[in-house]
C-alpha cells in the first residue's frame, strides 16, 4: 500500500484563523483602522496585529499564537464584527 500526503491539505491544517475577539463593544460598529503586520511576517503570541476602533476607543487585535502571517483577509477601513476572520497564521511548530 502506498500512501501519499496532500501537501496543500497538510499546509492548510497548520494554518489557524485570526478571529476578531470580543472587546466589550456590544452593538458598536467596529472599524479595522490598520494592520500592523504584513503577510510573511513572523509573529509571537500576544504581538499586536491590527488596530480596531469602537466608539472612539482604540483596541489591538493580538496574535493568538506563534507563527507566520499567511493572509490579511479584511482590508484597513473595513467594518468588522466579533467572530469575523481577519486573516490567517501558519502555526510555528518549533
Foldseek 3Di string as FASTA:
>chain_A
DDDDDDVVVVQVVQKDFQFAADPPQPPWWKFFAAFPDDFFDWFAFFCFGTWIDTPRDIDTRTDNHTFTWHFQQDHHGDTDDGGDGGGMGRHDPD
